[in-house]
Amino acid sequence: QLQLVESGGGLVQPGGSLTLSCAGSGFTFDNFAISWFRQAPGKEREGVSRIGPSGGDTDYADSVKGRFTVSRDNAKKTVSLQMDGLNPEDSAVYYCAATPFTLSSWHLATDEYVYWGQGTQVTVSS
């Protein structure tokens, strides 16, 4: 069964950290770039981070650069998003998505992602 499953969300205080995980199955994981998106209530979906199929290239939204770190373990078919210095504006449902394409506008071309996870809630609040 083709799927992506996110985990690791939860409630954290401002300034805290969380690590999200995205596990893939049913497809050739290391042929796909994986991106993280997030969507807060009333806001558009936002591209957060991207990692290439081999893990050698990464991209980040300006809003998370320097605070979030994406990595992958192709042997385990997982991608992790380490989130540090969290603030309330980071609260959202976080999704991982997979694409076999090299996308110049990875954060906008949501139609080019063929697999999506169900999302995991991140809430940053005191």
N, C-alpha and C. Protein backbone atom coordinates (compact mmCIF):
# COMPACT_ATOMS: atom_id res chain seq x y z
N GLN A 1 0.85 -1.19 0.00
CA GLN A 1 0.00 0.00 0.00
C GLN A 1 0.88 1.24 0.00
N LEU A 2 0.60 2.14 -0.95
CA LEU A 2 1.37 3.36 -1.07
C LEU A 2 0.94 4.35 0.00
N GLN A 3 1.87 4.80 0.85
CA GLN A 3 1.46 5.77 1.84
C GLN A 3 2.65 6.49 2.47
N LEU A 4 2.33 7.65 3.00
CA LEU A 4 3.22 8.41 3.85
C LEU A 4 2.50 8.62 5.17
N VAL A 5 3.21 8.45 6.25
CA VAL A 5 2.61 8.60 7.57
C VAL A 5 3.49 9.50 8.41
N GLU A 6 2.89 10.60 8.88
CA GLU A 6 3.61 11.52 9.75
C GLU A 6 3.38 11.16 11.20
N SER A 7 4.33 11.51 12.04
CA SER A 7 4.20 11.33 13.48
C SER A 7 5.08 12.36 14.17
N GLY A 8 4.86 12.51 15.47
CA GLY A 8 5.71 13.38 16.26
C GLY A 8 5.12 14.71 16.63
N GLY A 9 3.94 15.02 16.15
CA GLY A 9 3.33 16.28 16.50
C GLY A 9 2.89 16.30 17.96
N GLY A 10 2.50 17.49 18.41
CA GLY A 10 2.02 17.60 19.78
C GLY A 10 2.01 19.04 20.23
N LEU A 11 1.90 19.20 21.54
CA LEU A 11 1.85 20.52 22.17
C LEU A 11 3.22 20.83 22.77
N VAL A 12 3.73 22.01 22.48
CA VAL A 12 5.04 22.41 22.98
C VAL A 12 4.99 23.87 23.35
N GLN A 13 5.76 24.26 24.33
CA GLN A 13 5.81 25.65 24.75
C GLN A 13 6.68 26.47 23.79
N PRO A 14 6.43 27.76 23.71
CA PRO A 14 7.28 28.61 22.87
C PRO A 14 8.74 28.47 23.25
N GLY A 15 9.56 28.40 22.23
CA GLY A 15 10.99 28.18 22.45
C GLY A 15 11.38 26.72 22.48
N GLY A 16 10.40 25.84 22.51
CA GLY A 16 10.67 24.42 22.59
C GLY A 16 10.97 23.78 21.25
N SER A 17 11.12 22.47 21.29
CA SER A 17 11.49 21.71 20.09
C SER A 17 10.58 20.51 19.91
N LEU A 18 10.43 20.11 18.66
CA LEU A 18 9.75 18.88 18.29
C LEU A 18 10.46 18.30 17.08
N THR A 19 10.38 16.99 16.96
CA THR A 19 10.88 16.33 15.76
C THR A 19 9.74 15.56 15.11
N LEU A 20 9.44 15.92 13.89
CA LEU A 20 8.43 15.20 13.11
C LEU A 20 9.10 14.14 12.27
N SER A 21 8.37 13.07 12.04
CA SER A 21 8.87 11.99 11.20
C SER A 21 7.85 11.67 10.13
N CYS A 22 8.37 11.31 8.98
CA CYS A 22 7.52 10.93 7.84
C CYS A 22 8.03 9.58 7.34
N ALA A 23 7.19 8.57 7.41
CA ALA A 23 7.58 7.23 7.00
C ALA A 23 6.88 6.86 5.70
N GLY A 24 7.64 6.39 4.74
CA GLY A 24 7.07 6.01 3.46
C GLY A 24 7.03 4.51 3.27
N SER A 25 6.06 4.04 2.52
CA SER A 25 5.97 2.62 2.22
C SER A 25 5.24 2.43 0.90
N GLY A 26 5.54 1.32 0.24
CA GLY A 26 4.83 0.97 -0.98
C GLY A 26 5.36 1.62 -2.24
N PHE A 27 6.44 2.37 -2.14
CA PHE A 27 7.04 2.96 -3.32
C PHE A 27 8.55 3.07 -3.11
N THR A 28 9.27 3.35 -4.19
CA THR A 28 10.73 3.43 -4.12
C THR A 28 11.12 4.76 -3.50
N PHE A 29 11.25 4.74 -2.19
CA PHE A 29 11.37 5.96 -1.40
C PHE A 29 12.53 6.83 -1.86
N ASP A 30 13.68 6.23 -2.17
CA ASP A 30 14.85 7.04 -2.49
C ASP A 30 14.85 7.56 -3.92
N ASN A 31 13.75 7.40 -4.63
CA ASN A 31 13.57 8.05 -5.92
C ASN A 31 12.78 9.35 -5.82
N PHE A 32 12.36 9.68 -4.61
CA PHE A 32 11.45 10.80 -4.41
C PHE A 32 12.05 11.86 -3.50
N ALA A 33 11.85 13.11 -3.89
CA ALA A 33 12.09 14.21 -2.97
C ALA A 33 10.91 14.29 -2.01
N ILE A 34 11.18 14.67 -0.80
CA ILE A 34 10.14 14.80 0.23
C ILE A 34 10.10 16.23 0.72
N SER A 35 8.92 16.77 0.78
CA SER A 35 8.74 18.12 1.31
C SER A 35 7.80 18.10 2.49
N TRP A 36 7.99 19.09 3.34
CA TRP A 36 7.07 19.32 4.45
C TRP A 36 6.27 20.59 4.14
N PHE A 37 4.99 20.48 4.34
CA PHE A 37 4.09 21.62 4.22
C PHE A 37 3.36 21.78 5.54
N ARG A 38 2.80 22.95 5.76
CA ARG A 38 1.98 23.15 6.94
C ARG A 38 0.80 24.04 6.57
N GLN A 39 -0.26 23.87 7.32
CA GLN A 39 -1.44 24.68 7.09
C GLN A 39 -2.10 24.99 8.42
N ALA A 40 -2.21 26.27 8.70
CA ALA A 40 -2.90 26.74 9.90
C ALA A 40 -4.33 27.11 9.53
N PRO A 41 -5.24 27.11 10.48
CA PRO A 41 -6.63 27.45 10.19
C PRO A 41 -6.74 28.83 9.54
N GLY A 42 -7.47 28.88 8.44
CA GLY A 42 -7.69 30.14 7.76
C GLY A 42 -6.54 30.62 6.92
N LYS A 43 -5.47 29.81 6.84
CA LYS A 43 -4.30 30.21 6.06
C LYS A 43 -4.05 29.22 4.93
N GLU A 44 -3.32 29.66 3.92
CA GLU A 44 -2.97 28.79 2.82
C GLU A 44 -1.87 27.81 3.24
N ARG A 45 -1.83 26.69 2.53
CA ARG A 45 -0.77 25.72 2.79
C ARG A 45 0.57 26.34 2.44
N GLU A 46 1.55 26.13 3.28
CA GLU A 46 2.87 26.75 3.14
C GLU A 46 3.95 25.68 3.06
N GLY A 47 4.80 25.81 2.08
CA GLY A 47 5.94 24.91 1.99
C GLY A 47 6.96 25.27 3.05
N VAL A 48 7.39 24.28 3.82
CA VAL A 48 8.29 24.53 4.94
C VAL A 48 9.72 24.11 4.61
N SER A 49 9.86 22.90 4.08
CA SER A 49 11.21 22.39 3.82
C SER A 49 11.14 21.28 2.79
N ARG A 50 12.26 21.07 2.13
CA ARG A 50 12.36 20.05 1.10
C ARG A 50 13.72 19.37 1.22
N ILE A 51 13.72 18.06 0.94
CA ILE A 51 14.98 17.34 0.88
C ILE A 51 14.97 16.47 -0.37
N GLY A 52 16.07 16.47 -1.10
CA GLY A 52 16.17 15.72 -2.33
C GLY A 52 16.23 14.22 -2.09
N PRO A 53 16.14 13.43 -3.14
CA PRO A 53 16.09 11.98 -2.99
C PRO A 53 17.29 11.38 -2.25
N SER A 54 18.46 11.92 -2.46
CA SER A 54 19.65 11.38 -1.80
C SER A 54 19.92 12.03 -0.46
N GLY A 55 19.23 13.13 -0.18
CA GLY A 55 19.45 13.86 1.06
C GLY A 55 20.52 14.91 0.95
N GLY A 56 21.13 15.02 -0.24
CA GLY A 56 22.24 15.95 -0.39
C GLY A 56 21.85 17.39 -0.60
N ASP A 57 20.61 17.64 -0.93
CA ASP A 57 20.16 19.02 -1.13
C ASP A 57 18.90 19.27 -0.34
N THR A 58 18.88 20.42 0.31
CA THR A 58 17.75 20.79 1.15
C THR A 58 17.37 22.24 0.88
N ASP A 59 16.13 22.55 1.16
CA ASP A 59 15.62 23.92 1.04
C ASP A 59 14.71 24.20 2.22
N TYR A 60 14.63 25.49 2.57
CA TYR A 60 13.79 25.90 3.69
C TYR A 60 13.06 27.19 3.34
N ALA A 61 11.87 27.30 3.88
CA ALA A 61 11.18 28.58 3.82
C ALA A 61 11.93 29.58 4.69
N ASP A 62 11.87 30.84 4.30
CA ASP A 62 12.58 31.86 5.07
C ASP A 62 12.09 31.90 6.52
N SER A 63 10.82 31.58 6.72
CA SER A 63 10.23 31.67 8.05
C SER A 63 10.79 30.64 9.02
N VAL A 64 11.44 29.59 8.50
CA VAL A 64 11.94 28.54 9.39
C VAL A 64 13.44 28.35 9.26
N LYS A 65 14.07 29.06 8.34
CA LYS A 65 15.50 28.89 8.10
C LYS A 65 16.28 29.20 9.38
N GLY A 66 17.20 28.31 9.71
CA GLY A 66 17.99 28.48 10.92
C GLY A 66 17.37 27.87 12.16
N ARG A 67 16.09 27.48 12.06
CA ARG A 67 15.41 26.87 13.21
C ARG A 67 15.02 25.41 12.92
N PHE A 68 14.72 25.11 11.68
CA PHE A 68 14.29 23.76 11.30
C PHE A 68 15.41 23.07 10.52
N THR A 69 15.52 21.77 10.70
CA THR A 69 16.50 20.98 9.97
C THR A 69 15.84 19.71 9.45
N VAL A 70 15.95 19.49 8.15
CA VAL A 70 15.36 18.30 7.54
C VAL A 70 16.47 17.29 7.23
N SER A 71 16.16 16.02 7.40
CA SER A 71 17.11 14.96 7.10
C SER A 71 16.34 13.72 6.68
N ARG A 72 17.04 12.76 6.10
CA ARG A 72 16.37 11.54 5.70
C ARG A 72 17.29 10.35 5.88
N ASP A 73 16.64 9.20 6.07
CA ASP A 73 17.32 7.92 6.17
C ASP A 73 16.64 7.00 5.18
N ASN A 74 17.24 6.85 4.02
CA ASN A 74 16.59 6.05 2.98
C ASN A 74 16.54 4.57 3.32
N ALA A 75 17.46 4.10 4.13
CA ALA A 75 17.41 2.70 4.55
C ALA A 75 16.16 2.43 5.39
N LYS A 76 15.78 3.41 6.17
CA LYS A 76 14.58 3.28 7.01
C LYS A 76 13.35 3.89 6.36
N LYS A 77 13.54 4.50 5.19
CA LYS A 77 12.44 5.14 4.46
C LYS A 77 11.74 6.19 5.33
N THR A 78 12.53 7.02 5.95
CA THR A 78 11.98 8.07 6.79
C THR A 78 12.65 9.42 6.51
N VAL A 79 11.87 10.47 6.70
CA VAL A 79 12.37 11.83 6.67
C VAL A 79 12.00 12.48 7.99
N SER A 80 12.93 13.19 8.58
CA SER A 80 12.69 13.86 9.86
C SER A 80 12.76 15.36 9.68
N LEU A 81 11.98 16.05 10.47
CA LEU A 81 12.02 17.52 10.52
C LEU A 81 12.24 17.91 11.97
N GLN A 82 13.45 18.34 12.27
CA GLN A 82 13.78 18.82 13.61
C GLN A 82 13.40 20.29 13.67
N MET A 83 12.55 20.61 14.62
CA MET A 83 12.05 21.97 14.75
C MET A 83 12.46 22.54 16.10
N ASP A 84 13.29 23.56 16.07
CA ASP A 84 13.76 24.22 17.28
C ASP A 84 13.27 25.66 17.31
N GLY A 85 13.31 26.24 18.49
CA GLY A 85 12.90 27.63 18.61
C GLY A 85 11.48 27.89 18.15
N LEU A 86 10.60 26.97 18.49
CA LEU A 86 9.22 27.07 18.01
C LEU A 86 8.50 28.27 18.60
N ASN A 87 7.64 28.88 17.82
CA ASN A 87 6.83 29.99 18.28
C ASN A 87 5.38 29.74 17.87
N PRO A 88 4.45 30.47 18.44
CA PRO A 88 3.03 30.20 18.14
C PRO A 88 2.69 30.26 16.66
N GLU A 89 3.44 31.04 15.89
CA GLU A 89 3.18 31.13 14.45
C GLU A 89 3.52 29.83 13.72
N ASP A 90 4.22 28.92 14.37
CA ASP A 90 4.53 27.61 13.79
C ASP A 90 3.40 26.61 13.98
N SER A 91 2.39 26.97 14.74
CA SER A 91 1.27 26.07 14.98
C SER A 91 0.52 25.81 13.69
N ALA A 92 0.34 24.54 13.37
CA ALA A 92 -0.33 24.16 12.12
C ALA A 92 -0.40 22.65 12.05
N VAL A 93 -1.13 22.17 11.06
CA VAL A 93 -1.03 20.76 10.70
C VAL A 93 0.11 20.63 9.71
N TYR A 94 1.01 19.72 9.99
CA TYR A 94 2.19 19.52 9.15
C TYR A 94 2.00 18.25 8.32
N TYR A 95 2.26 18.39 7.03
CA TYR A 95 2.12 17.28 6.09
C TYR A 95 3.46 17.01 5.40
N CYS A 96 3.74 15.76 5.15
CA CYS A 96 4.85 15.45 4.26
C CYS A 96 4.27 14.98 2.92
N ALA A 97 5.03 15.23 1.87
CA ALA A 97 4.58 14.90 0.53
C ALA A 97 5.77 14.47 -0.31
N ALA A 98 5.53 13.59 -1.26
CA ALA A 98 6.60 13.03 -2.07
C ALA A 98 6.39 13.35 -3.54
N THR A 99 7.48 13.70 -4.21
CA THR A 99 7.43 13.96 -5.64
C THR A 99 8.62 13.32 -6.33
N PRO A 100 8.41 12.74 -7.52
CA PRO A 100 9.54 12.19 -8.27
C PRO A 100 10.24 13.24 -9.13
N PHE A 101 9.75 14.46 -9.10
CA PHE A 101 10.23 15.51 -9.98
C PHE A 101 11.19 16.44 -9.27
N THR A 102 12.06 17.04 -10.06
CA THR A 102 12.89 18.12 -9.55
C THR A 102 12.15 19.42 -9.80
N LEU A 103 11.76 20.07 -8.72
CA LEU A 103 10.89 21.24 -8.83
C LEU A 103 11.63 22.49 -8.42
N SER A 104 11.64 23.46 -9.31
CA SER A 104 12.29 24.73 -8.95
C SER A 104 11.47 25.47 -7.91
N SER A 105 10.15 25.36 -8.02
CA SER A 105 9.27 25.99 -7.04
C SER A 105 8.60 24.92 -6.19
N TRP A 106 9.41 24.19 -5.45
CA TRP A 106 8.92 23.04 -4.69
C TRP A 106 7.84 23.43 -3.69
N HIS A 107 7.90 24.65 -3.21
CA HIS A 107 6.98 25.09 -2.16
C HIS A 107 5.63 25.54 -2.72
N LEU A 108 5.55 25.66 -4.06
CA LEU A 108 4.32 26.11 -4.69
C LEU A 108 3.64 25.03 -5.53
N ALA A 109 4.43 24.13 -6.11
CA ALA A 109 3.92 23.17 -7.08
C ALA A 109 3.29 21.96 -6.41
N THR A 110 2.27 22.19 -5.59
CA THR A 110 1.67 21.11 -4.83
C THR A 110 1.05 20.04 -5.73
N ASP A 111 0.65 20.41 -6.93
CA ASP A 111 0.07 19.43 -7.85
C ASP A 111 1.09 18.39 -8.32
N GLU A 112 2.37 18.69 -8.16
CA GLU A 112 3.42 17.77 -8.61
C GLU A 112 3.78 16.73 -7.56
N TYR A 113 3.15 16.80 -6.41
CA TYR A 113 3.41 15.81 -5.36
C TYR A 113 2.39 14.69 -5.51
N VAL A 114 2.87 13.47 -5.57
CA VAL A 114 1.99 12.34 -5.87
C VAL A 114 1.49 11.62 -4.63
N TYR A 115 2.22 11.74 -3.55
CA TYR A 115 1.79 11.12 -2.30
C TYR A 115 1.79 12.16 -1.18
N TRP A 116 0.76 12.10 -0.35
CA TRP A 116 0.64 13.00 0.79
C TRP A 116 0.31 12.17 2.03
N GLY A 117 0.86 12.63 3.15
CA GLY A 117 0.47 12.04 4.41
C GLY A 117 -0.82 12.66 4.91
N GLN A 118 -1.29 12.15 6.05
CA GLN A 118 -2.56 12.60 6.60
C GLN A 118 -2.40 13.82 7.50
N GLY A 119 -1.16 14.14 7.85
CA GLY A 119 -0.91 15.32 8.66
C GLY A 119 -0.77 15.02 10.13
N THR A 120 0.01 15.87 10.81
CA THR A 120 0.16 15.78 12.26
C THR A 120 0.10 17.19 12.83
N GLN A 121 -0.62 17.34 13.92
CA GLN A 121 -0.87 18.66 14.49
C GLN A 121 0.31 19.09 15.37
N VAL A 122 0.76 20.31 15.16
CA VAL A 122 1.76 20.94 16.01
C VAL A 122 1.13 22.19 16.62
N THR A 123 1.14 22.26 17.93
CA THR A 123 0.59 23.42 18.62
C THR A 123 1.66 23.99 19.54
N VAL A 124 1.94 25.26 19.35
CA VAL A 124 2.94 25.94 20.17
C VAL A 124 2.20 26.96 21.03
N SER A 125 2.18 26.70 22.31
CA SER A 125 1.41 27.54 23.21
C SER A 125 1.91 27.37 24.63
N SER A 126 1.79 28.45 25.39
CA SER A 126 2.15 28.38 26.81
C SER A 126 0.92 28.06 27.65
